[in-house]
C-alpha atoms as a PDB file:
ATOM      1  CA  MET A   1       0.000   0.000   0.000  1.00  0.00           C
ATOM      2  CA  LYS A   2       1.391   3.358  -1.055  1.00  0.00           C
ATOM      3  CA  LYS A   3       0.373   6.589   0.582  1.00  0.00           C
ATOM      4  CA  VAL A   4      -0.633   9.384  -1.763  1.00  0.00           C
ATOM      5  CA  LYS A   5       1.133  12.726  -1.701  1.00  0.00           C
ATOM      6  CA  ILE A   6      -1.271  15.640  -1.748  1.00  0.00           C
ATOM      7  CA  ALA A   7      -0.658  19.269  -0.790  1.00  0.00           C
ATOM      8  CA  GLY A   8       2.641  18.377   0.848  1.00  0.00           C
ATOM      9  CA  ARG A   9       1.168  15.551   2.922  1.00  0.00           C
ATOM     10  CA  GLU A  10       1.302  11.800   2.505  1.00  0.00           C
ATOM     11  CA  VAL A  11      -2.076  10.282   3.292  1.00  0.00           C
ATOM     12  CA  PHE A  12      -3.740   6.883   3.351  1.00  0.00           C
ATOM     13  CA  PRO A  13      -5.264   6.194  -0.099  1.00  0.00           C
ATOM     14  CA  ILE A  14      -8.712   5.238   1.191  1.00  0.00           C
ATOM     15  CA  GLY A  15     -10.652   8.163   2.613  1.00  0.00           C
ATOM     16  CA  PHE A  16     -14.197   8.702   3.802  1.00  0.00           C
ATOM     17  CA  GLY A  17     -16.973  10.372   1.814  1.00  0.00           C
ATOM     18  CA  THR A  18     -19.926  11.911   3.654  1.00  0.00           C
ATOM     19  CA  TRP A  19     -22.564  12.668   1.021  1.00  0.00           C
ATOM     20  CA  ASN A  20     -26.062  11.928   2.389  1.00  0.00           C
ATOM     21  CA  MET A  21     -24.722  11.587   5.926  1.00  0.00           C
ATOM     22  CA  GLY A  22     -25.775  13.583   8.984  1.00  0.00           C
ATOM     23  CA  ASP A  23     -29.345  14.182   7.836  1.00  0.00           C
ATOM     24  CA  LYS A  24     -31.218  11.692  10.025  1.00  0.00           C
ATOM     25  CA  ALA A  25     -31.189  12.055  13.798  1.00  0.00           C
ATOM     26  CA  ASP A  26     -31.761   8.346  14.366  1.00  0.00           C
ATOM     27  CA  LYS A  27     -28.654   7.473  12.329  1.00  0.00           C
ATOM     28  CA  PHE A  28     -26.394  10.278  13.538  1.00  0.00           C
ATOM     29  CA  GLU A  29     -24.456   8.295  16.143  1.00  0.00           C
ATOM     30  CA  GLN A  30     -24.185   5.253  13.888  1.00  0.00           C
ATOM     31  CA  GLU A  31     -22.718   7.398  11.117  1.00  0.00           C
ATOM     32  CA  ALA A  32     -20.339   9.141  13.519  1.00  0.00           C
ATOM     33  CA  GLU A  33     -19.161   5.749  14.774  1.00  0.00           C
ATOM     34  CA  ALA A  34     -18.532   4.621  11.195  1.00  0.00           C
ATOM     35  CA  ILE A  35     -16.250   7.616  10.688  1.00  0.00           C
ATOM     36  CA  ARG A  36     -14.427   6.858  13.950  1.00  0.00           C
ATOM     37  CA  VAL A  37     -13.937   3.230  12.967  1.00  0.00           C
ATOM     38  CA  GLY A  38     -12.403   4.395   9.705  1.00  0.00           C
ATOM     39  CA  LEU A  39     -10.046   6.727  11.557  1.00  0.00           C
ATOM     40  CA  ASP A  40      -9.122   3.973  14.012  1.00  0.00           C
ATOM     41  CA  HIS A  41      -8.124   1.770  11.069  1.00  0.00           C
ATOM     42  CA  GLY A  42      -5.940   4.312   9.309  1.00  0.00           C
ATOM     43  CA  VAL A  43      -8.222   6.683   7.398  1.00  0.00           C
ATOM     44  CA  GLN A  44      -6.995  10.277   7.350  1.00  0.00           C
ATOM     45  CA  VAL A  45      -8.956  11.944   4.541  1.00  0.00           C
ATOM     46  CA  ILE A  46     -12.550  12.946   5.300  1.00  0.00           C
ATOM     47  CA  ASP A  47     -14.420  14.615   2.458  1.00  0.00           C
ATOM     48  CA  THR A  48     -17.479  16.778   3.006  1.00  0.00           C
ATOM     49  CA  ALA A  49     -19.130  19.922   1.598  1.00  0.00           C
ATOM     50  CA  GLU A  50     -21.349  22.808   2.570  1.00  0.00           C
ATOM     51  CA  MET A  51     -23.964  21.413   0.180  1.00  0.00           C
ATOM     52  CA  TYR A  52     -24.272  18.047   1.927  1.00  0.00           C
ATOM     53  CA  GLY A  53     -27.430  18.346   3.960  1.00  0.00           C
ATOM     54  CA  ASN A  54     -26.989  22.135   4.101  1.00  0.00           C
ATOM     55  CA  GLY A  55     -24.078  21.638   6.458  1.00  0.00           C
ATOM     56  CA  ASN A  56     -25.353  18.564   8.307  1.00  0.00           C
ATOM     57  CA  ALA A  57     -22.495  16.398   7.033  1.00  0.00           C
ATOM     58  CA  GLU A  58     -19.957  18.927   8.296  1.00  0.00           C
ATOM     59  CA  ARG A  59     -21.641  18.932  11.713  1.00  0.00           C
ATOM     60  CA  LEU A  60     -21.510  15.126  11.744  1.00  0.00           C
ATOM     61  CA  VAL A  61     -17.803  15.155  10.940  1.00  0.00           C
ATOM     62  CA  ALA A  62     -17.147  17.657  13.748  1.00  0.00           C
ATOM     63  CA  HIS A  63     -18.940  15.372  16.205  1.00  0.00           C
ATOM     64  CA  ALA A  64     -17.096  12.277  14.995  1.00  0.00           C
ATOM     65  CA  ILE A  65     -13.562  13.712  15.107  1.00  0.00           C
ATOM     66  CA  LYS A  66     -13.655  15.754  18.318  1.00  0.00           C
ATOM     67  CA  SER A  67     -11.503  13.259  20.260  1.00  0.00           C
ATOM     68  CA  TYR A  68      -8.905  12.835  17.489  1.00  0.00           C
ATOM     69  CA  SER A  69      -5.717  14.766  16.841  1.00  0.00           C
ATOM     70  CA  ARG A  70      -6.555  17.436  14.268  1.00  0.00           C
ATOM     71  CA  GLU A  71      -3.058  17.356  12.783  1.00  0.00           C
ATOM     72  CA  GLU A  72      -3.407  13.667  11.933  1.00  0.00           C
ATOM     73  CA  LEU A  73      -6.535  14.287   9.880  1.00  0.00           C
ATOM     74  CA  PHE A  74      -6.905  15.644   6.361  1.00  0.00           C
ATOM     75  CA  LEU A  75     -10.211  17.512   6.183  1.00  0.00           C
ATOM     76  CA  ILE A  76     -11.719  18.488   2.846  1.00  0.00           C
ATOM     77  CA  SER A  77     -14.775  20.639   2.271  1.00  0.00           C
ATOM     78  CA  LYS A  78     -16.235  22.202  -0.835  1.00  0.00           C
ATOM     79  CA  VAL A  79     -17.755  25.551  -1.711  1.00  0.00           C
ATOM     80  CA  LEU A  80     -20.820  25.822  -3.925  1.00  0.00           C
ATOM     81  CA  PRO A  81     -20.203  27.567  -7.268  1.00  0.00           C
ATOM     82  CA  SER A  82     -22.747  30.245  -6.357  1.00  0.00           C
ATOM     83  CA  ASN A  83     -20.674  31.062  -3.258  1.00  0.00           C
ATOM     84  CA  ALA A  84     -17.283  30.943  -4.971  1.00  0.00           C
ATOM     85  CA  SER A  85     -16.888  34.711  -5.334  1.00  0.00           C
ATOM     86  CA  GLU A  86     -14.550  37.167  -3.661  1.00  0.00           C
ATOM     87  CA  LYS A  87     -17.453  38.424  -1.529  1.00  0.00           C
ATOM     88  CA  LEU A  88     -19.261  35.212  -0.649  1.00  0.00           C
ATOM     89  CA  MET A  89     -16.491  32.609  -0.339  1.00  0.00           C
ATOM     90  CA  PRO A  90     -15.102  34.006   2.953  1.00  0.00           C
ATOM     91  CA  ILE A  91     -18.601  33.697   4.424  1.00  0.00           C
ATOM     92  CA  SER A  92     -19.066  30.127   3.199  1.00  0.00           C
ATOM     93  CA  LEU A  93     -15.624  29.136   4.392  1.00  0.00           C
ATOM     94  CA  GLU A  94     -16.142  30.617   7.845  1.00  0.00           C
ATOM     95  CA  GLN A  95     -19.467  28.801   8.181  1.00  0.00           C
ATOM     96  CA  SER A  96     -17.861  25.499   7.151  1.00  0.00           C
ATOM     97  CA  LEU A  97     -15.060  26.012   9.678  1.00  0.00           C
ATOM     98  CA  GLN A  98     -17.602  26.709  12.408  1.00  0.00           C
ATOM     99  CA  ARG A  99     -19.674  23.641  11.556  1.00  0.00           C
ATOM    100  CA  LEU A 100     -16.525  21.502  11.477  1.00  0.00           C
ATOM    101  CA  ASN A 101     -15.275  23.099  14.701  1.00  0.00           C
ATOM    102  CA  THR A 102     -11.803  23.626  13.263  1.00  0.00           C
ATOM    103  CA  ASP A 103      -9.532  26.587  12.566  1.00  0.00           C
ATOM    104  CA  TYR A 104      -8.530  25.429   9.097  1.00  0.00           C
ATOM    105  CA  LEU A 105      -9.212  23.032   6.251  1.00  0.00           C
ATOM    106  CA  ASP A 106      -6.472  20.910   4.764  1.00  0.00           C
ATOM    107  CA  LEU A 107      -8.122  21.269   1.361  1.00  0.00           C
ATOM    108  CA  TYR A 108     -10.940  23.456   0.043  1.00  0.00           C
ATOM    109  CA  LEU A 109     -12.501  22.659  -3.322  1.00  0.00           C
ATOM    110  CA  LEU A 110     -14.697  24.438  -5.835  1.00  0.00           C
ATOM    111  CA  HIS A 111     -17.538  21.902  -5.968  1.00  0.00           C
ATOM    112  CA  TRP A 112     -18.199  22.308  -9.692  1.00  0.00           C
ATOM    113  CA  LYS A 113     -17.935  24.918 -12.409  1.00  0.00           C
ATOM    114  CA  GLY A 114     -20.338  27.843 -12.078  1.00  0.00           C
ATOM    115  CA  ASN A 115     -20.955  31.310 -13.478  1.00  0.00           C
ATOM    116  CA  ILE A 116     -18.445  33.173 -11.339  1.00  0.00           C
ATOM    117  CA  PRO A 117     -15.205  33.766 -13.305  1.00  0.00           C
ATOM    118  CA  ILE A 118     -12.675  31.100 -12.370  1.00  0.00           C
ATOM    119  CA  ASN A 119      -9.939  33.678 -11.865  1.00  0.00           C
ATOM    120  CA  GLU A 120     -12.040  35.378  -9.169  1.00  0.00           C
ATOM    121  CA  THR A 121     -12.637  32.041  -7.465  1.00  0.00           C
ATOM    122  CA  ILE A 122      -8.949  31.197  -7.472  1.00  0.00           C
ATOM    123  CA  GLU A 123      -8.030  34.616  -6.111  1.00  0.00           C
ATOM    124  CA  ALA A 124     -10.475  34.054  -3.244  1.00  0.00           C
ATOM    125  CA  LEU A 125      -9.100  30.555  -2.616  1.00  0.00           C
ATOM    126  CA  GLU A 126      -5.530  31.788  -2.630  1.00  0.00           C
ATOM    127  CA  LYS A 127      -6.409  34.614  -0.240  1.00  0.00           C
ATOM    128  CA  ALA A 128      -7.913  32.065   2.167  1.00  0.00           C
ATOM    129  CA  ARG A 129      -4.738  29.985   1.925  1.00  0.00           C
ATOM    130  CA  ILE A 130      -2.511  32.974   2.683  1.00  0.00           C
ATOM    131  CA  GLN A 131      -4.728  33.784   5.673  1.00  0.00           C
ATOM    132  CA  GLY A 132      -4.197  30.248   6.994  1.00  0.00           C
ATOM    133  CA  LYS A 133      -7.863  29.281   6.880  1.00  0.00           C
ATOM    134  CA  ILE A 134      -7.088  26.609   4.303  1.00  0.00           C
ATOM    135  CA  ARG A 135      -3.797  24.849   3.694  1.00  0.00           C
ATOM    136  CA  SER A 136      -4.462  24.073   0.055  1.00  0.00           C
ATOM    137  CA  TRP A 137      -7.179  24.364  -2.560  1.00  0.00           C
ATOM    138  CA  GLY A 138      -8.380  22.520  -5.628  1.00  0.00           C
ATOM    139  CA  VAL A 139     -11.373  21.816  -7.834  1.00  0.00           C
ATOM    140  CA  SER A 140     -14.010  19.166  -8.412  1.00  0.00           C
ATOM    141  CA  ASN A 141     -15.892  17.953 -11.477  1.00  0.00           C
ATOM    142  CA  LEU A 142     -13.709  19.863 -13.943  1.00  0.00           C
ATOM    143  CA  ASP A 143     -12.528  18.411 -17.242  1.00  0.00           C
ATOM    144  CA  VAL A 144      -9.297  19.007 -19.143  1.00  0.00           C
ATOM    145  CA  ASP A 145     -10.237  22.316 -20.817  1.00  0.00           C
ATOM    146  CA  ASP A 146     -11.203  24.015 -17.575  1.00  0.00           C
ATOM    147  CA  LEU A 147      -8.199  22.616 -15.724  1.00  0.00           C
ATOM    148  CA  GLU A 148      -5.894  23.913 -18.456  1.00  0.00           C
ATOM    149  CA  LYS A 149      -7.421  27.380 -18.093  1.00  0.00           C
ATOM    150  CA  ILE A 150      -6.688  27.282 -14.385  1.00  0.00           C
ATOM    151  CA  MET A 151      -3.095  26.248 -14.990  1.00  0.00           C
ATOM    152  CA  LYS A 152      -2.568  29.369 -17.107  1.00  0.00           C
ATOM    153  CA  LEU A 153      -3.612  31.712 -14.312  1.00  0.00           C
ATOM    154  CA  PRO A 154      -0.980  33.292 -12.021  1.00  0.00           C
ATOM    155  CA  ASP A 155      -1.761  31.010  -9.065  1.00  0.00           C
ATOM    156  CA  GLY A 156      -3.138  28.113 -11.099  1.00  0.00           C
ATOM    157  CA  ILE A 157      -0.091  25.945 -10.437  1.00  0.00           C
ATOM    158  CA  LYS A 158      -1.182  25.799  -6.788  1.00  0.00           C
ATOM    159  CA  CYS A 159      -4.281  23.767  -7.653  1.00  0.00           C
ATOM    160  CA  ALA A 160      -3.698  20.664  -5.513  1.00  0.00           C
ATOM    161  CA  THR A 161      -6.213  18.222  -6.962  1.00  0.00           C
ATOM    162  CA  ASN A 162      -9.321  17.544  -9.019  1.00  0.00           C
ATOM    163  CA  GLN A 163     -12.070  15.435  -7.470  1.00  0.00           C
ATOM    164  CA  VAL A 164     -14.127  13.534 -10.035  1.00  0.00           C
ATOM    165  CA  ARG A 165     -16.286  10.455 -10.390  1.00  0.00           C
ATOM    166  CA  TYR A 166     -14.038   7.513 -11.177  1.00  0.00           C
ATOM    167  CA  ASN A 167     -14.470   3.766 -10.942  1.00  0.00           C
ATOM    168  CA  LEU A 168     -13.937   0.685 -13.090  1.00  0.00           C
ATOM    169  CA  GLY A 169     -17.158   1.404 -14.976  1.00  0.00           C
ATOM    170  CA  ASP A 170     -16.389   5.123 -15.420  1.00  0.00           C
ATOM    171  CA  ARG A 171     -12.918   5.218 -16.976  1.00  0.00           C
ATOM    172  CA  GLY A 172     -13.376   8.074 -19.431  1.00  0.00           C
ATOM    173  CA  ILE A 173     -10.930  10.359 -17.608  1.00  0.00           C
ATOM    174  CA  GLU A 174      -8.095   7.936 -18.359  1.00  0.00           C
ATOM    175  CA  PHE A 175      -8.079   9.145 -21.963  1.00  0.00           C
ATOM    176  CA  ASP A 176      -6.915  12.692 -21.261  1.00  0.00           C
ATOM    177  CA  LEU A 177      -7.626  14.035 -17.766  1.00  0.00           C
ATOM    178  CA  VAL A 178      -5.608  11.468 -15.816  1.00  0.00           C
ATOM    179  CA  PRO A 179      -2.523  11.768 -18.071  1.00  0.00           C
ATOM    180  CA  MET A 180      -2.677  15.550 -17.744  1.00  0.00           C
ATOM    181  CA  MET A 181      -2.905  15.376 -13.969  1.00  0.00           C
ATOM    182  CA  ASN A 182      -0.137  12.779 -13.768  1.00  0.00           C
ATOM    183  CA  ASN A 183       2.158  14.997 -15.822  1.00  0.00           C
ATOM    184  CA  ARG A 184       1.604  17.767 -13.295  1.00  0.00           C
ATOM    185  CA  GLU A 185       1.972  15.385 -10.350  1.00  0.00           C
ATOM    186  CA  MET A 186      -1.555  16.299  -9.317  1.00  0.00           C
ATOM    187  CA  PRO A 187      -3.298  13.487  -7.411  1.00  0.00           C
ATOM    188  CA  LEU A 188      -6.855  12.490  -8.225  1.00  0.00           C
ATOM    189  CA  ILE A 189      -9.613  12.198  -5.639  1.00  0.00           C
ATOM    190  CA  ALA A 190     -12.146   9.619  -6.818  1.00  0.00           C
ATOM    191  CA  TYR A 191     -15.736   9.829  -5.648  1.00  0.00           C
ATOM    192  CA  SER A 192     -18.182   6.965  -6.247  1.00  0.00           C
ATOM    193  CA  PRO A 193     -15.204   4.555  -6.499  1.00  0.00           C
ATOM    194  CA  VAL A 194     -17.490   1.529  -6.206  1.00  0.00           C
ATOM    195  CA  ALA A 195     -20.191   3.043  -8.448  1.00  0.00           C
ATOM    196  CA  ARG A 196     -22.529   3.406  -5.451  1.00  0.00           C
ATOM    197  CA  GLY A 197     -23.065  -0.323  -5.280  1.00  0.00           C
ATOM    198  CA  ASP A 198     -23.913  -0.772  -8.966  1.00  0.00           C
ATOM    199  CA  ARG A 199     -26.489   2.032  -8.983  1.00  0.00           C
ATOM    200  CA  PHE A 200     -24.790   3.508 -12.056  1.00  0.00           C
ATOM    201  CA  GLY A 201     -25.761   0.444 -14.075  1.00  0.00           C
ATOM    202  CA  ALA A 202     -22.361  -1.092 -14.795  1.00  0.00           C
ATOM    203  CA  ASN A 203     -23.163  -4.127 -12.596  1.00  0.00           C
ATOM    204  CA  LEU A 204     -19.578  -4.243 -11.386  1.00  0.00           C
ATOM    205  CA  THR A 205     -20.097  -6.455  -8.354  1.00  0.00           C
ATOM    206  CA  LYS A 206     -22.047  -9.022 -10.367  1.00  0.00           C
ATOM    207  CA  GLN A 207     -19.251  -9.672 -12.858  1.00  0.00           C
ATOM    208  CA  LYS A 208     -17.888 -13.208 -12.677  1.00  0.00           C
ATOM    209  CA  VAL A 209     -14.322 -12.049 -13.322  1.00  0.00           C
ATOM    210  CA  ILE A 210     -14.431  -9.569 -10.445  1.00  0.00           C
ATOM    211  CA  LYS A 211     -15.849 -12.218  -8.128  1.00  0.00           C
ATOM    212  CA  GLU A 212     -13.085 -14.631  -9.159  1.00  0.00           C
ATOM    213  CA  ILE A 213     -10.372 -12.042  -8.547  1.00  0.00           C
ATOM    214  CA  ALA A 214     -11.926 -11.246  -5.176  1.00  0.00           C
ATOM    215  CA  GLU A 215     -11.922 -14.914  -4.221  1.00  0.00           C
ATOM    216  CA  LYS A 216      -8.262 -15.221  -5.214  1.00  0.00           C
ATOM    217  CA  HIS A 217      -7.365 -12.323  -2.922  1.00  0.00           C
ATOM    218  CA  GLN A 218      -9.676 -13.556  -0.135  1.00  0.00           C
ATOM    219  CA  SER A 219     -11.675 -10.365  -0.383  1.00  0.00           C
ATOM    220  CA  ASN A 220     -14.980  -9.140  -1.804  1.00  0.00           C
ATOM    221  CA  SER A 221     -15.939  -7.384  -5.024  1.00  0.00           C
ATOM    222  CA  PHE A 222     -16.121  -3.936  -3.439  1.00  0.00           C
ATOM    223  CA  GLN A 223     -12.583  -4.316  -2.109  1.00  0.00           C
ATOM    224  CA  ILE A 224     -11.327  -5.258  -5.561  1.00  0.00           C
ATOM    225  CA  LEU A 225     -12.994  -2.165  -7.036  1.00  0.00           C
ATOM    226  CA  LEU A 226     -11.295   0.035  -4.437  1.00  0.00           C
ATOM    227  CA  ALA A 227      -7.932  -1.674  -4.917  1.00  0.00           C
ATOM    228  CA  TRP A 228      -8.258  -1.086  -8.651  1.00  0.00           C
ATOM    229  CA  CYS A 229      -9.146   2.576  -8.140  1.00  0.00           C
ATOM    230  CA  ILE A 230      -5.998   3.322  -6.087  1.00  0.00           C
ATOM    231  CA  ARG A 231      -3.697   1.014  -8.055  1.00  0.00           C
ATOM    232  CA  ASN A 232      -1.390   3.733  -9.432  1.00  0.00           C
ATOM    233  CA  GLY A 233      -0.480   5.349  -6.114  1.00  0.00           C
ATOM    234  CA  GLN A 234      -1.791   8.717  -7.288  1.00  0.00           C
ATOM    235  CA  THR A 235      -5.453   8.350  -6.400  1.00  0.00           C
ATOM    236  CA  ILE A 236      -7.378   8.791  -3.157  1.00  0.00           C
ATOM    237  CA  ALA A 237     -10.711   6.947  -3.147  1.00  0.00           C
ATOM    238  CA  ILE A 238     -13.472   8.269  -0.890  1.00  0.00           C
ATOM    239  CA  PRO A 239     -16.148   5.579  -0.483  1.00  0.00           C
ATOM    240  CA  GLN A 240     -19.085   6.341   1.798  1.00  0.00           C
ATOM    241  CA  SER A 241     -20.583   3.917   4.291  1.00  0.00           C
ATOM    242  CA  SER A 242     -22.325   4.048   7.659  1.00  0.00           C
ATOM    243  CA  ASN A 243     -21.790   0.310   8.171  1.00  0.00           C
ATOM    244  CA  THR A 244     -18.718  -0.238  10.358  1.00  0.00           C
ATOM    245  CA  ALA A 245     -17.966  -3.677   8.883  1.00  0.00           C
ATOM    246  CA  HIS A 246     -18.027  -2.197   5.376  1.00  0.00           C
ATOM    247  CA  VAL A 247     -15.773   0.649   6.509  1.00  0.00           C
ATOM    248  CA  ILE A 248     -13.185  -1.832   7.792  1.00  0.00           C
ATOM    249  CA  ASP A 249     -13.418  -3.770   4.521  1.00  0.00           C
ATOM    250  CA  ASN A 250     -12.885  -0.529   2.607  1.00  0.00           C
ATOM    251  CA  VAL A 251      -9.729   0.246   4.560  1.00  0.00           C
ATOM    252  CA  LYS A 252      -8.367  -3.267   4.109  1.00  0.00           C
ATOM    253  CA  ALA A 253      -8.746  -2.886   0.342  1.00  0.00           C
ATOM    254  CA  ALA A 254      -5.577  -0.779   0.433  1.00  0.00           C
ATOM    255  CA  GLU A 255      -3.622  -3.947   1.290  1.00  0.00           C
ATOM    256  CA  ILE A 256      -4.667  -5.734  -1.906  1.00  0.00           C
ATOM    257  CA  GLN A 257      -2.037  -5.797  -4.636  1.00  0.00           C
ATOM    258  CA  LEU A 258      -3.666  -6.600  -7.956  1.00  0.00           C
ATOM    259  CA  THR A 259      -1.462  -8.542 -10.356  1.00  0.00           C
ATOM    260  CA  GLN A 260      -0.961  -7.652 -13.994  1.00  0.00           C
ATOM    261  CA  GLN A 261      -3.117 -10.639 -14.854  1.00  0.00           C
ATOM    262  CA  ASP A 262      -5.884  -9.257 -12.625  1.00  0.00           C
ATOM    263  CA  LEU A 263      -5.647  -5.870 -14.322  1.00  0.00           C
ATOM    264  CA  ASP A 264      -5.684  -7.429 -17.798  1.00  0.00           C
ATOM    265  CA  GLN A 265      -8.787  -9.423 -16.910  1.00  0.00           C
ATOM    266  CA  LEU A 266     -10.536  -6.296 -15.649  1.00  0.00           C
ATOM    267  CA  ASP A 267      -9.529  -4.392 -18.791  1.00  0.00           C
ATOM    268  CA  SER A 268     -11.109  -7.133 -20.888  1.00  0.00           C
ATOM    269  CA  ILE A 269     -14.577  -6.486 -19.477  1.00  0.00           C
ATOM    270  CA  TYR A 270     -14.247  -2.756 -18.771  1.00  0.00           C
ATOM    271  CA  PRO A 271     -11.706  -1.527 -21.332  1.00  0.00           C
ATOM    272  CA  LYS A 272      -9.693   1.665 -21.218  1.00  0.00           C
ATOM    273  CA  PRO A 273     -11.229   4.534 -23.209  1.00  0.00           C
ATOM    274  CA  SER A 274     -10.054   4.870 -26.797  1.00  0.00           C
ATOM    275  CA  MET A 275     -11.526   8.333 -27.346  1.00  0.00           C
ATOM    276  CA  LYS A 276     -12.619  11.441 -25.468  1.00  0.00           C
ATOM    277  CA  GLN A 277     -15.695  10.915 -23.292  1.00  0.00           C
ATOM    278  CA  PRO A 278     -17.916  13.334 -21.368  1.00  0.00           C
ATOM    279  CA  LEU A 279     -16.981  13.742 -17.727  1.00  0.00           C
ATOM    280  CA  ALA A 280     -19.091  11.451 -15.527  1.00  0.00           C
ATOM    281  CA  LEU A 281     -21.009  13.440 -12.925  1.00  0.00           C
ATOM    282  CA  TRP A 282     -22.772  12.641  -9.652  1.00  0.00           C
END
């Protein structure tokens, strides 16, 4: 298992996503415990956003991490495009910090492309970094063209990452976005790394080949999908689960070393892209 270098830190390659968490009072403690179990088993990266439950996910994270060393964690939150202006971003950021009960974020992301000029957004992000309220910034759900525009801006080189949907069934970014990011030594953060349990229609966990590979590695199909996602040492996967047993399985996926034969077999059923494809979203 290789740690992934991001924003000057080396972090465990399996993180914790929090979309749709924190919204139900009767599940709040169960979800907080799931996060704690992940942290107890090596997870460092916790990904959230102001959009998730209008701040409920951030409040959940704050509750879950209050007994842990802040410096050991890598907290990510995201600003809505409508709030990514010079005037509104400081307000959104301060509210996220308050909900998370922390003085700073390790990484702050533009959640997706909006109508506010990207140069204004980056200036606001960079100002927050200089102020110490965030230690790094990046983007989410941006394709090659938009990322190239950012790179041409004065502070564009400081963009630490791009968070996009990526799993064995959604490999389109391998055609151009991943090579571009690799050339710039920019790690990828992969959301929906197990395709939300086949809800995207690729039927990953039902594939005979994946089941056979899982059996060979004494694991399950979800673990193989996560191991595949982080295989290059430059990707952080952020699966979401409120089931503690599943969380432990997710973490253990980082120990699986897929062989070249495994990878070839997976390529045979879900081949690499041979042409440009639209960016997969949500």
